[in-house]
Amino acid sequence: MSSRADVTPGAPTVVYTDGACSGNPGPGGWAWAVSPDGEPSGSGGDLETTNQRMELLAVLEALRSLGAGSEAGAIEVVSDSTYVVNCFRDRWWYNWQRNGWKNSKKQPVANADLWQPLIELVQAGDVSFRWVKGHSGDPMNDLVDELAVAAIPTEP
């Protein structure tokens, strides 16, 4: 297992995240892994969930595990989820907070139970986001996809 000390001083820790679902909703898995060698990493799953929840949970668990908002330095999250990346790029969360966790249609924000702690970690730390095209041959994206699919529970 590599440590953050293996990374160039001052460079962000780059973590890839992914979620997967067998049916949507259905059983799903999430995973994260630190570049360049995939260690450390983490994964898990739920029997009844959605792909978006798994994408969010992957990022949330990665940031928690890497200590975002506390002892961690800069962290770059790489995801193939536009749902995750665009939220931070376009600051959707800012309006959600300002509007009492209602979206532009005045409906409750989907997955607010995951967005709220995730946004707190991002605000408390030095976290950035980058989008990568899924299933495009990026070795780390392929790895977290495999880990997320493998984490999908098959039985209750």
N, C-alpha and C. Protein backbone atom coordinates (compact mmCIF):
# COMPACT_ATOMS: atom_id res chain seq x y z
N MET A 1 0.85 -1.18 0.00
CA MET A 1 0.00 0.00 0.00
C MET A 1 0.89 1.23 0.00
N SER A 2 0.63 2.14 -0.90
CA SER A 2 1.42 3.36 -0.96
C SER A 2 0.89 4.35 0.05
N SER A 3 1.70 5.33 0.34
CA SER A 3 1.26 6.38 1.25
C SER A 3 1.27 7.70 0.51
N ARG A 4 0.67 8.69 1.13
CA ARG A 4 0.64 10.01 0.52
C ARG A 4 2.05 10.56 0.39
N ALA A 5 3.01 10.04 1.15
CA ALA A 5 4.39 10.49 1.06
C ALA A 5 5.02 10.12 -0.29
N ASP A 6 4.42 9.15 -0.99
CA ASP A 6 4.93 8.74 -2.30
C ASP A 6 4.64 9.77 -3.38
N VAL A 7 3.76 10.71 -3.07
CA VAL A 7 3.33 11.72 -4.04
C VAL A 7 4.30 12.89 -4.01
N THR A 8 4.50 13.53 -5.15
CA THR A 8 5.36 14.70 -5.24
C THR A 8 4.91 15.75 -4.22
N PRO A 9 5.84 16.27 -3.41
CA PRO A 9 5.45 17.27 -2.41
C PRO A 9 4.73 18.44 -3.07
N GLY A 10 3.62 18.85 -2.46
CA GLY A 10 2.84 19.96 -2.98
C GLY A 10 1.83 19.57 -4.04
N ALA A 11 1.98 18.39 -4.62
CA ALA A 11 1.03 17.92 -5.63
C ALA A 11 -0.20 17.36 -4.93
N PRO A 12 -1.37 17.53 -5.54
CA PRO A 12 -2.57 16.97 -4.90
C PRO A 12 -2.57 15.45 -4.94
N THR A 13 -3.24 14.85 -3.99
CA THR A 13 -3.55 13.43 -4.06
C THR A 13 -4.66 13.30 -5.09
N VAL A 14 -4.46 12.45 -6.07
CA VAL A 14 -5.45 12.25 -7.13
C VAL A 14 -6.19 10.95 -6.83
N VAL A 15 -7.51 11.08 -6.64
CA VAL A 15 -8.34 9.91 -6.33
C VAL A 15 -9.42 9.77 -7.39
N TYR A 16 -9.53 8.57 -7.93
CA TYR A 16 -10.57 8.25 -8.91
C TYR A 16 -11.74 7.62 -8.17
N THR A 17 -12.96 7.96 -8.59
CA THR A 17 -14.17 7.42 -7.96
C THR A 17 -15.14 6.95 -9.02
N ASP A 18 -15.98 5.97 -8.63
CA ASP A 18 -17.01 5.52 -9.57
C ASP A 18 -18.12 4.82 -8.80
N GLY A 19 -19.30 4.84 -9.40
CA GLY A 19 -20.45 4.12 -8.89
C GLY A 19 -21.01 3.26 -10.00
N ALA A 20 -21.69 2.19 -9.60
CA ALA A 20 -22.29 1.28 -10.58
C ALA A 20 -23.60 0.76 -10.01
N CYS A 21 -24.52 0.45 -10.89
CA CYS A 21 -25.81 -0.07 -10.47
C CYS A 21 -26.27 -1.15 -11.43
N SER A 22 -26.85 -2.21 -10.89
CA SER A 22 -27.43 -3.26 -11.71
C SER A 22 -28.93 -3.04 -11.69
N GLY A 23 -29.41 -2.27 -12.66
CA GLY A 23 -30.76 -1.74 -12.61
C GLY A 23 -30.67 -0.37 -11.94
N ASN A 24 -31.60 0.50 -12.21
CA ASN A 24 -31.53 1.84 -11.62
C ASN A 24 -32.96 2.31 -11.32
N PRO A 25 -33.48 2.04 -10.12
CA PRO A 25 -32.76 1.54 -8.95
C PRO A 25 -32.54 0.03 -9.00
N GLY A 26 -31.66 -0.39 -8.12
CA GLY A 26 -31.30 -1.79 -7.99
C GLY A 26 -30.09 -1.91 -7.09
N PRO A 27 -29.48 -3.07 -7.04
CA PRO A 27 -28.25 -3.21 -6.26
C PRO A 27 -27.13 -2.40 -6.90
N GLY A 28 -26.31 -1.79 -6.06
CA GLY A 28 -25.25 -0.93 -6.58
C GLY A 28 -23.98 -1.02 -5.78
N GLY A 29 -22.89 -0.58 -6.40
CA GLY A 29 -21.59 -0.56 -5.75
C GLY A 29 -20.89 0.76 -6.01
N TRP A 30 -19.94 1.08 -5.14
CA TRP A 30 -19.14 2.29 -5.28
C TRP A 30 -17.69 1.92 -4.99
N ALA A 31 -16.77 2.73 -5.52
CA ALA A 31 -15.35 2.47 -5.28
C ALA A 31 -14.54 3.75 -5.48
N TRP A 32 -13.39 3.77 -4.83
CA TRP A 32 -12.42 4.84 -5.03
C TRP A 32 -11.03 4.22 -4.94
N ALA A 33 -10.07 4.86 -5.61
CA ALA A 33 -8.67 4.40 -5.58
C ALA A 33 -7.77 5.59 -5.88
N VAL A 34 -6.64 5.62 -5.18
CA VAL A 34 -5.68 6.70 -5.36
C VAL A 34 -4.72 6.36 -6.49
N SER A 35 -4.52 7.33 -7.37
CA SER A 35 -3.60 7.22 -8.49
C SER A 35 -2.17 7.44 -7.96
N PRO A 36 -1.15 6.85 -8.52
CA PRO A 36 -1.15 6.16 -9.81
C PRO A 36 -1.31 4.65 -9.73
N ASP A 37 -1.21 4.05 -8.51
CA ASP A 37 -1.19 2.58 -8.45
C ASP A 37 -2.44 1.95 -7.86
N GLY A 38 -3.46 2.76 -7.54
CA GLY A 38 -4.70 2.19 -7.04
C GLY A 38 -4.74 1.92 -5.55
N GLU A 39 -3.71 2.33 -4.83
CA GLU A 39 -3.68 2.14 -3.38
C GLU A 39 -3.38 3.46 -2.71
N PRO A 40 -4.08 3.76 -1.62
CA PRO A 40 -5.15 2.97 -1.02
C PRO A 40 -6.42 3.03 -1.86
N SER A 41 -7.39 2.20 -1.46
CA SER A 41 -8.67 2.15 -2.16
C SER A 41 -9.76 1.72 -1.19
N GLY A 42 -11.00 1.85 -1.62
CA GLY A 42 -12.13 1.40 -0.82
C GLY A 42 -13.32 1.14 -1.72
N SER A 43 -14.25 0.32 -1.22
CA SER A 43 -15.46 0.02 -1.99
C SER A 43 -16.53 -0.49 -1.06
N GLY A 44 -17.75 -0.50 -1.57
CA GLY A 44 -18.89 -1.01 -0.82
C GLY A 44 -20.11 -1.02 -1.71
N GLY A 45 -21.24 -1.41 -1.14
CA GLY A 45 -22.44 -1.48 -1.96
C GLY A 45 -23.70 -1.49 -1.13
N ASP A 46 -24.82 -1.35 -1.81
CA ASP A 46 -26.15 -1.38 -1.22
C ASP A 46 -27.05 -2.24 -2.09
N LEU A 47 -28.02 -2.90 -1.44
CA LEU A 47 -28.94 -3.77 -2.17
C LEU A 47 -29.96 -3.00 -3.00
N GLU A 48 -30.39 -1.84 -2.54
CA GLU A 48 -31.41 -1.08 -3.26
C GLU A 48 -30.97 0.38 -3.28
N THR A 49 -30.53 0.84 -4.44
CA THR A 49 -29.96 2.18 -4.55
C THR A 49 -30.07 2.67 -5.99
N THR A 50 -29.42 3.78 -6.27
CA THR A 50 -29.36 4.32 -7.64
C THR A 50 -27.90 4.56 -8.02
N ASN A 51 -27.67 4.70 -9.31
CA ASN A 51 -26.32 4.98 -9.78
C ASN A 51 -25.82 6.31 -9.22
N GLN A 52 -26.68 7.32 -9.19
CA GLN A 52 -26.24 8.62 -8.68
C GLN A 52 -25.83 8.54 -7.21
N ARG A 53 -26.58 7.79 -6.40
CA ARG A 53 -26.20 7.63 -4.99
C ARG A 53 -24.83 6.95 -4.88
N MET A 54 -24.58 5.98 -5.73
CA MET A 54 -23.30 5.27 -5.67
C MET A 54 -22.15 6.18 -6.10
N GLU A 55 -22.38 7.02 -7.12
CA GLU A 55 -21.37 7.99 -7.54
C GLU A 55 -21.02 8.93 -6.38
N LEU A 56 -22.05 9.43 -5.70
CA LEU A 56 -21.84 10.35 -4.57
C LEU A 56 -21.16 9.65 -3.40
N LEU A 57 -21.60 8.45 -3.10
CA LEU A 57 -21.02 7.73 -1.97
C LEU A 57 -19.54 7.42 -2.21
N ALA A 58 -19.17 7.15 -3.45
CA ALA A 58 -17.76 6.90 -3.77
C ALA A 58 -16.91 8.11 -3.42
N VAL A 59 -17.37 9.30 -3.80
CA VAL A 59 -16.61 10.52 -3.52
C VAL A 59 -16.61 10.80 -2.02
N LEU A 60 -17.75 10.69 -1.38
CA LEU A 60 -17.84 10.95 0.05
C LEU A 60 -16.92 10.02 0.84
N GLU A 61 -16.94 8.74 0.55
CA GLU A 61 -16.09 7.78 1.27
C GLU A 61 -14.62 8.01 0.98
N ALA A 62 -14.29 8.38 -0.26
CA ALA A 62 -12.89 8.68 -0.59
C ALA A 62 -12.40 9.86 0.23
N LEU A 63 -13.16 10.94 0.25
CA LEU A 63 -12.73 12.14 0.98
C LEU A 63 -12.65 11.88 2.48
N ARG A 64 -13.60 11.13 3.02
CA ARG A 64 -13.53 10.77 4.45
C ARG A 64 -12.28 9.96 4.73
N SER A 65 -12.02 8.97 3.90
CA SER A 65 -10.86 8.09 4.12
C SER A 65 -9.54 8.82 3.98
N LEU A 66 -9.48 9.80 3.08
CA LEU A 66 -8.25 10.54 2.84
C LEU A 66 -8.09 11.73 3.78
N GLY A 67 -9.06 11.96 4.65
CA GLY A 67 -8.95 13.02 5.64
C GLY A 67 -9.22 14.42 5.13
N ALA A 68 -10.05 14.54 4.09
CA ALA A 68 -10.36 15.88 3.57
C ALA A 68 -10.96 16.73 4.68
N GLY A 69 -10.53 17.97 4.72
CA GLY A 69 -11.04 18.89 5.72
C GLY A 69 -10.30 18.85 7.03
N SER A 70 -9.34 17.94 7.14
CA SER A 70 -8.54 17.88 8.37
C SER A 70 -7.07 17.87 8.00
N GLU A 71 -6.42 16.73 8.16
CA GLU A 71 -4.98 16.66 7.93
C GLU A 71 -4.57 16.56 6.47
N ALA A 72 -5.51 16.31 5.60
CA ALA A 72 -5.18 16.09 4.19
C ALA A 72 -4.75 17.38 3.51
N GLY A 73 -3.87 17.24 2.57
CA GLY A 73 -3.52 18.35 1.70
C GLY A 73 -4.54 18.42 0.58
N ALA A 74 -4.11 18.94 -0.55
CA ALA A 74 -5.00 19.06 -1.71
C ALA A 74 -5.37 17.68 -2.24
N ILE A 75 -6.65 17.55 -2.61
CA ILE A 75 -7.16 16.32 -3.19
C ILE A 75 -7.88 16.67 -4.49
N GLU A 76 -7.53 15.95 -5.55
CA GLU A 76 -8.24 16.09 -6.82
C GLU A 76 -9.07 14.83 -7.04
N VAL A 77 -10.38 15.00 -7.13
CA VAL A 77 -11.29 13.90 -7.39
C VAL A 77 -11.50 13.81 -8.90
N VAL A 78 -11.28 12.63 -9.45
CA VAL A 78 -11.49 12.39 -10.87
C VAL A 78 -12.67 11.43 -10.99
N SER A 79 -13.70 11.86 -11.71
CA SER A 79 -14.94 11.09 -11.80
C SER A 79 -15.47 11.13 -13.23
N ASP A 80 -16.16 10.05 -13.61
CA ASP A 80 -16.84 10.07 -14.92
C ASP A 80 -18.30 10.49 -14.76
N SER A 81 -18.65 10.97 -13.57
CA SER A 81 -20.02 11.40 -13.29
C SER A 81 -20.16 12.91 -13.48
N THR A 82 -20.88 13.30 -14.53
CA THR A 82 -21.14 14.73 -14.70
C THR A 82 -22.02 15.24 -13.56
N TYR A 83 -22.86 14.38 -13.00
CA TYR A 83 -23.70 14.74 -11.85
C TYR A 83 -22.84 15.27 -10.70
N VAL A 84 -21.75 14.61 -10.42
CA VAL A 84 -20.85 15.03 -9.34
C VAL A 84 -20.01 16.22 -9.77
N VAL A 85 -19.32 16.10 -10.87
CA VAL A 85 -18.37 17.12 -11.30
C VAL A 85 -19.08 18.45 -11.58
N ASN A 86 -20.20 18.41 -12.29
CA ASN A 86 -20.90 19.65 -12.62
C ASN A 86 -21.47 20.35 -11.40
N CYS A 87 -21.83 19.60 -10.37
CA CYS A 87 -22.32 20.23 -9.15
C CYS A 87 -21.29 21.18 -8.59
N PHE A 88 -20.04 20.77 -8.59
CA PHE A 88 -18.99 21.62 -8.03
C PHE A 88 -18.48 22.63 -9.04
N ARG A 89 -18.39 22.24 -10.30
CA ARG A 89 -17.96 23.18 -11.33
C ARG A 89 -18.93 24.35 -11.46
N ASP A 90 -20.23 24.02 -11.45
CA ASP A 90 -21.26 25.04 -11.67
C ASP A 90 -21.87 25.56 -10.36
N ARG A 91 -21.36 25.08 -9.25
CA ARG A 91 -21.80 25.51 -7.91
C ARG A 91 -23.29 25.34 -7.68
N TRP A 92 -23.87 24.22 -8.13
CA TRP A 92 -25.28 23.94 -7.87
C TRP A 92 -25.57 23.99 -6.38
N TRP A 93 -24.62 23.46 -5.60
CA TRP A 93 -24.81 23.34 -4.16
C TRP A 93 -25.05 24.69 -3.50
N TYR A 94 -24.49 25.75 -4.05
CA TYR A 94 -24.65 27.07 -3.46
C TYR A 94 -26.13 27.47 -3.44
N ASN A 95 -26.81 27.29 -4.57
CA ASN A 95 -28.24 27.62 -4.64
C ASN A 95 -29.07 26.66 -3.80
N TRP A 96 -28.67 25.38 -3.76
CA TRP A 96 -29.40 24.43 -2.94
C TRP A 96 -29.40 24.87 -1.48
N GLN A 97 -28.22 25.24 -0.98
CA GLN A 97 -28.12 25.70 0.41
C GLN A 97 -28.95 26.97 0.61
N ARG A 98 -28.80 27.92 -0.29
CA ARG A 98 -29.49 29.20 -0.17
C ARG A 98 -31.01 29.01 -0.21
N ASN A 99 -31.47 28.00 -0.96
CA ASN A 99 -32.91 27.76 -1.11
C ASN A 99 -33.44 26.70 -0.17
N GLY A 100 -32.73 26.43 0.93
CA GLY A 100 -33.21 25.45 1.90
C GLY A 100 -33.25 24.03 1.36
N TRP A 101 -32.28 23.66 0.54
CA TRP A 101 -32.15 22.34 -0.06
C TRP A 101 -33.32 22.00 -0.96
N LYS A 102 -33.75 23.03 -1.72
CA LYS A 102 -34.73 22.85 -2.79
C LYS A 102 -34.02 23.15 -4.10
N ASN A 103 -34.39 22.42 -5.15
CA ASN A 103 -33.79 22.65 -6.46
C ASN A 103 -34.51 23.78 -7.18
N SER A 104 -34.16 24.02 -8.43
CA SER A 104 -34.74 25.13 -9.19
C SER A 104 -36.24 24.95 -9.43
N LYS A 105 -36.73 23.71 -9.30
CA LYS A 105 -38.17 23.44 -9.45
C LYS A 105 -38.88 23.48 -8.10
N LYS A 106 -38.18 23.95 -7.07
CA LYS A 106 -38.73 24.06 -5.70
C LYS A 106 -39.02 22.69 -5.08
N GLN A 107 -38.39 21.65 -5.61
CA GLN A 107 -38.51 20.29 -5.07
C GLN A 107 -37.30 20.00 -4.19
N PRO A 108 -37.44 19.07 -3.24
CA PRO A 108 -36.28 18.70 -2.43
C PRO A 108 -35.14 18.18 -3.32
N VAL A 109 -33.92 18.57 -2.99
CA VAL A 109 -32.75 18.12 -3.74
C VAL A 109 -32.60 16.60 -3.56
N ALA A 110 -32.49 15.88 -4.65
CA ALA A 110 -32.27 14.44 -4.59
C ALA A 110 -30.93 14.15 -3.93
N ASN A 111 -30.91 13.17 -3.08
CA ASN A 111 -29.68 12.71 -2.42
C ASN A 111 -29.07 13.75 -1.49
N ALA A 112 -29.89 14.63 -0.94
CA ALA A 112 -29.38 15.67 -0.04
C ALA A 112 -28.65 15.07 1.16
N ASP A 113 -29.06 13.86 1.58
CA ASP A 113 -28.40 13.22 2.72
C ASP A 113 -26.94 12.88 2.42
N LEU A 114 -26.58 12.76 1.16
CA LEU A 114 -25.18 12.53 0.77
C LEU A 114 -24.51 13.84 0.35
N TRP A 115 -25.26 14.69 -0.35
CA TRP A 115 -24.68 15.96 -0.79
C TRP A 115 -24.24 16.81 0.39
N GLN A 116 -25.04 16.88 1.45
CA GLN A 116 -24.72 17.78 2.56
C GLN A 116 -23.38 17.47 3.21
N PRO A 117 -23.11 16.22 3.63
CA PRO A 117 -21.78 15.96 4.20
C PRO A 117 -20.66 16.07 3.18
N LEU A 118 -20.94 15.74 1.92
CA LEU A 118 -19.92 15.87 0.88
C LEU A 118 -19.54 17.34 0.69
N ILE A 119 -20.51 18.21 0.62
CA ILE A 119 -20.24 19.64 0.44
C ILE A 119 -19.48 20.19 1.64
N GLU A 120 -19.82 19.74 2.84
CA GLU A 120 -19.09 20.18 4.03
C GLU A 120 -17.61 19.81 3.93
N LEU A 121 -17.32 18.58 3.50
CA LEU A 121 -15.92 18.16 3.36
C LEU A 121 -15.20 18.97 2.29
N VAL A 122 -15.87 19.21 1.18
CA VAL A 122 -15.26 19.98 0.09
C VAL A 122 -14.97 21.40 0.56
N GLN A 123 -15.91 22.01 1.27
CA GLN A 123 -15.72 23.37 1.76
C GLN A 123 -14.60 23.45 2.80
N ALA A 124 -14.47 22.42 3.62
CA ALA A 124 -13.49 22.43 4.70
C ALA A 124 -12.08 22.09 4.21
N GLY A 125 -11.97 21.50 3.04
CA GLY A 125 -10.68 21.06 2.55
C GLY A 125 -10.27 21.76 1.27
N ASP A 126 -9.20 21.26 0.70
CA ASP A 126 -8.68 21.75 -0.58
C ASP A 126 -8.99 20.67 -1.61
N VAL A 127 -10.23 20.68 -2.11
CA VAL A 127 -10.71 19.62 -2.98
C VAL A 127 -11.10 20.21 -4.33
N SER A 128 -10.63 19.59 -5.40
CA SER A 128 -11.02 19.98 -6.75
C SER A 128 -11.56 18.76 -7.47
N PHE A 129 -12.23 19.00 -8.59
CA PHE A 129 -12.88 17.93 -9.34
C PHE A 129 -12.47 18.00 -10.81
N ARG A 130 -12.32 16.83 -11.41
CA ARG A 130 -12.02 16.74 -12.84
C ARG A 130 -12.85 15.60 -13.42
N TRP A 131 -13.42 15.86 -14.59
CA TRP A 131 -14.22 14.84 -15.27
C TRP A 131 -13.32 14.04 -16.20
N VAL A 132 -13.59 12.74 -16.27
CA VAL A 132 -12.93 11.86 -17.23
C VAL A 132 -14.02 11.06 -17.92
N LYS A 133 -13.87 10.84 -19.21
CA LYS A 133 -14.86 10.05 -19.95
C LYS A 133 -14.78 8.60 -19.48
N GLY A 134 -15.93 8.05 -19.13
CA GLY A 134 -15.98 6.65 -18.70
C GLY A 134 -15.75 5.69 -19.85
N HIS A 135 -15.21 4.54 -19.52
CA HIS A 135 -15.00 3.46 -20.50
C HIS A 135 -14.22 3.94 -21.72
N SER A 136 -13.21 4.78 -21.45
CA SER A 136 -12.43 5.33 -22.57
C SER A 136 -10.98 4.87 -22.54
N GLY A 137 -10.67 3.90 -21.69
CA GLY A 137 -9.32 3.37 -21.63
C GLY A 137 -8.43 4.02 -20.59
N ASP A 138 -8.96 4.91 -19.75
CA ASP A 138 -8.16 5.47 -18.66
C ASP A 138 -7.98 4.36 -17.62
N PRO A 139 -6.74 3.92 -17.36
CA PRO A 139 -6.54 2.76 -16.49
C PRO A 139 -7.13 2.93 -15.08
N MET A 140 -7.02 4.10 -14.49
CA MET A 140 -7.55 4.29 -13.15
C MET A 140 -9.07 4.33 -13.16
N ASN A 141 -9.68 4.94 -14.18
CA ASN A 141 -11.13 4.94 -14.27
C ASN A 141 -11.64 3.52 -14.49
N ASP A 142 -10.94 2.76 -15.30
CA ASP A 142 -11.32 1.36 -15.52
C ASP A 142 -11.20 0.56 -14.22
N LEU A 143 -10.16 0.83 -13.43
CA LEU A 143 -9.98 0.12 -12.16
C LEU A 143 -11.14 0.40 -11.21
N VAL A 144 -11.49 1.68 -11.00
CA VAL A 144 -12.57 1.96 -10.05
C VAL A 144 -13.91 1.46 -10.57
N ASP A 145 -14.10 1.43 -11.89
CA ASP A 145 -15.31 0.84 -12.45
C ASP A 145 -15.37 -0.65 -12.10
N GLU A 146 -14.26 -1.36 -12.27
CA GLU A 146 -14.21 -2.79 -11.94
C GLU A 146 -14.47 -3.01 -10.46
N LEU A 147 -13.87 -2.18 -9.60
CA LEU A 147 -14.07 -2.31 -8.16
C LEU A 147 -15.52 -2.04 -7.77
N ALA A 148 -16.14 -1.02 -8.39
CA ALA A 148 -17.53 -0.69 -8.08
C ALA A 148 -18.47 -1.82 -8.52
N VAL A 149 -18.25 -2.36 -9.70
CA VAL A 149 -19.08 -3.48 -10.18
C VAL A 149 -18.90 -4.69 -9.27
N ALA A 150 -17.67 -4.96 -8.88
CA ALA A 150 -17.40 -6.10 -7.99
C ALA A 150 -18.05 -5.92 -6.61
N ALA A 151 -18.29 -4.68 -6.20
CA ALA A 151 -18.87 -4.41 -4.88
C ALA A 151 -20.40 -4.48 -4.88
N ILE A 152 -21.02 -4.66 -6.03
CA ILE A 152 -22.48 -4.76 -6.08
C ILE A 152 -22.91 -6.04 -5.35
N PRO A 153 -23.74 -5.91 -4.31
CA PRO A 153 -24.18 -7.11 -3.59
C PRO A 153 -25.05 -7.98 -4.49
N THR A 154 -24.88 -9.28 -4.36
CA THR A 154 -25.66 -10.20 -5.18
C THR A 154 -26.78 -10.85 -4.40
N GLU A 155 -26.72 -10.82 -3.06
CA GLU A 155 -27.76 -11.42 -2.22
C GLU A 155 -28.02 -10.53 -1.02
N PRO A 156 -29.27 -10.59 -0.51
CA PRO A 156 -29.58 -9.82 0.70
C PRO A 156 -28.83 -10.33 1.91
